[in-house]
Protein backbone atom coordinates (compact mmCIF):
# COMPACT_ATOMS: atom_id res chain seq x y z
CA UNK A 1 -45.68 28.97 30.62
CA UNK A 2 -48.20 27.78 28.03
CA UNK A 3 -45.71 25.25 26.47
CA UNK A 4 -44.04 22.28 28.05
CA UNK A 5 -40.27 21.89 28.23
CA UNK A 6 -40.16 19.23 25.46
CA UNK A 7 -41.96 21.51 23.02
CA UNK A 8 -39.62 24.41 23.81
CA UNK A 9 -36.55 22.19 23.42
CA UNK A 10 -37.74 20.91 20.00
CA UNK A 11 -38.57 24.45 18.83
CA UNK A 12 -35.19 25.76 19.93
CA UNK A 13 -33.38 22.84 18.25
CA UNK A 14 -35.30 23.37 14.99
CA UNK A 15 -34.40 27.06 15.01
CA UNK A 16 -30.70 26.31 15.70
CA UNK A 17 -30.64 23.72 12.90
CA UNK A 18 -32.18 26.23 10.48
CA UNK A 19 -29.65 28.89 11.52
CA UNK A 20 -26.74 26.45 10.98
CA UNK A 21 -28.01 25.52 7.49
CA UNK A 22 -28.29 29.18 6.54
CA UNK A 23 -24.93 30.26 7.98
CA UNK A 24 -22.64 27.26 7.82
CA UNK A 25 -23.01 25.77 4.37
CA UNK A 26 -20.70 22.81 3.83
CA UNK A 27 -18.34 23.20 0.90
CA UNK A 28 -18.39 20.58 -1.79
CA UNK A 29 -15.43 18.23 -1.81
CA UNK A 30 -12.72 19.22 -4.27
CA UNK A 31 -12.64 17.37 -7.55
CA UNK A 32 -10.05 14.65 -7.75
CA UNK A 33 -7.70 15.44 -10.61
CA UNK A 34 -4.96 13.06 -11.61
CA UNK A 35 -2.03 15.45 -11.40
CA UNK A 36 1.66 14.73 -11.87
CA UNK A 37 4.82 16.77 -11.97
CA UNK A 38 5.90 16.82 -15.60
CA UNK A 39 8.83 18.39 -17.39
CA UNK A 40 11.25 20.53 -15.42
CA UNK A 41 13.73 22.54 -17.43
CA UNK A 42 16.69 24.67 -16.42
CA UNK A 43 17.35 22.86 -13.14
CA UNK A 44 20.71 21.09 -12.84
CA UNK A 45 20.49 17.31 -12.49
CA UNK A 46 21.99 17.45 -8.99
CA UNK A 47 19.32 19.92 -7.82
CA UNK A 48 16.38 18.20 -9.52
CA UNK A 49 15.42 15.95 -6.54
CA UNK A 50 15.29 18.97 -4.18
CA UNK A 51 13.27 21.01 -6.68
CA UNK A 52 10.75 18.20 -7.34
CA UNK A 53 10.35 17.18 -3.70
CA UNK A 54 9.67 20.77 -2.65
CA UNK A 55 7.00 21.07 -5.37
CA UNK A 56 5.41 17.84 -4.19
CA UNK A 57 5.52 18.94 -0.55
CA UNK A 58 3.81 22.29 -1.22
CA UNK A 59 1.10 20.64 -3.32
CA UNK A 60 0.43 18.08 -0.60
CA UNK A 61 0.29 20.82 2.05
CA UNK A 62 -2.30 22.49 -0.18
CA UNK A 63 -4.37 19.26 -0.18
CA UNK A 64 -3.59 18.64 -3.83
CA UNK A 65 -2.70 15.02 -4.45
CA UNK A 66 0.10 14.22 -6.87
CA UNK A 67 0.58 10.88 -8.59
CA UNK A 68 4.01 9.52 -9.47
CA UNK A 69 3.20 8.38 -13.00
CA UNK A 70 2.85 11.24 -15.52
CA UNK A 71 1.54 8.78 -18.13
CA UNK A 72 -1.60 8.26 -16.00
CA UNK A 73 -2.14 11.95 -15.24
CA UNK A 74 -4.87 14.20 -16.57
CA UNK A 75 -2.87 17.37 -15.79
CA UNK A 76 0.87 17.97 -15.62
CA UNK A 77 2.73 20.71 -13.87
CA UNK A 78 5.64 21.77 -16.03
CA UNK A 79 8.25 24.21 -14.80
CA UNK A 80 11.08 26.08 -16.47
CA UNK A 81 13.76 28.03 -14.64
CA UNK A 82 15.97 30.57 -16.37
CA UNK A 83 18.99 32.04 -14.58
CA UNK A 84 20.82 35.14 -15.78
CA UNK A 85 24.57 35.40 -15.57
CA UNK A 86 25.93 36.23 -12.10
CA UNK A 87 26.32 39.91 -11.35
CA UNK A 88 27.67 41.33 -8.08
CA UNK A 89 27.18 38.01 -6.29
CA UNK A 90 23.56 37.56 -7.38
CA UNK A 91 21.56 36.10 -10.26
CA UNK A 92 18.17 37.08 -11.59
CA UNK A 93 15.90 34.06 -11.93
CA UNK A 94 12.63 33.53 -13.75
CA UNK A 95 10.27 30.62 -13.07
CA UNK A 96 7.53 29.72 -15.49
CA UNK A 97 5.04 27.17 -14.14
CA UNK A 98 2.24 25.77 -16.26
CA UNK A 99 -0.70 23.41 -15.88
CA UNK A 100 -0.86 21.36 -19.05
CA UNK A 101 -3.46 18.89 -20.29
CA UNK A 102 -1.53 15.61 -20.38
CA UNK A 103 -3.30 14.36 -23.52
CA UNK A 104 -3.45 17.46 -25.71
CA UNK A 105 -0.49 19.37 -24.23
CA UNK A 106 -2.75 22.44 -24.15
CA UNK A 107 -1.69 24.95 -21.49
CA UNK A 108 -4.60 25.44 -19.07
CA UNK A 109 -2.86 27.98 -16.85
CA UNK A 110 0.59 29.50 -16.67
CA UNK A 111 2.28 31.86 -14.27
CA UNK A 112 5.65 33.54 -14.12
CA UNK A 113 7.71 34.66 -11.16
CA UNK A 114 10.90 36.69 -11.14
CA UNK A 115 13.29 36.67 -8.21
CA UNK A 116 16.94 37.11 -7.33
CA UNK A 117 19.20 34.38 -6.01
CA UNK A 118 22.55 34.64 -4.28
CA UNK A 119 25.60 33.16 -5.95
CA UNK A 120 26.40 30.30 -5.86
CA UNK A 121 22.87 28.89 -6.16
CA UNK A 122 22.66 26.18 -3.51
CA UNK A 123 20.22 23.34 -2.85
CA UNK A 124 18.09 25.42 -0.48
CA UNK A 125 17.56 28.03 -3.19
CA UNK A 126 16.54 25.28 -5.64
CA UNK A 127 14.04 24.05 -3.04
CA UNK A 128 12.63 27.58 -2.73
CA UNK A 129 12.29 27.78 -6.51
CA UNK A 130 10.42 24.45 -6.52
CA UNK A 131 8.08 25.76 -3.82
CA UNK A 132 7.48 28.91 -5.83
CA UNK A 133 6.59 26.88 -8.93
CA UNK A 134 4.06 24.86 -6.92
CA UNK A 135 2.52 27.97 -5.37
CA UNK A 136 2.13 29.55 -8.82
CA UNK A 137 -0.18 26.71 -9.96
CA UNK A 138 -1.62 25.70 -6.59
CA UNK A 139 -4.13 28.56 -6.46
CA UNK A 140 -5.84 27.75 -9.76
CA UNK A 141 -5.88 24.05 -8.83
CA UNK A 142 -7.51 24.81 -5.48
């Protein structure tokens, strides 16, 4: 009763603002890195567009921008896929994905994933392998 409504409103607002600053700290914007998809090995020429587009899609969904010109990139994502010989209608597959400094070719991060594919390996499986390669490097980029 000793304070007017305006004073109480300002006091309450100041307290709410302080609480928000202490509990809801804004995250800094991510650094912009000029990133491009680099060398992809072990993927048949016919499956390469599906593999690359799925990598690009996953990176974009992860809010990681990808440029189309590797020559202008600071980092490259290189991927290598190795398939074992078919056995009982399946193939073991290994994906190695690496973040590489575009100038020095120094590997900044690499990750490997092993999986099994059904035989014959179709376009959808190549897309899934491309997604896996992007996920393997997306975490460290984020």
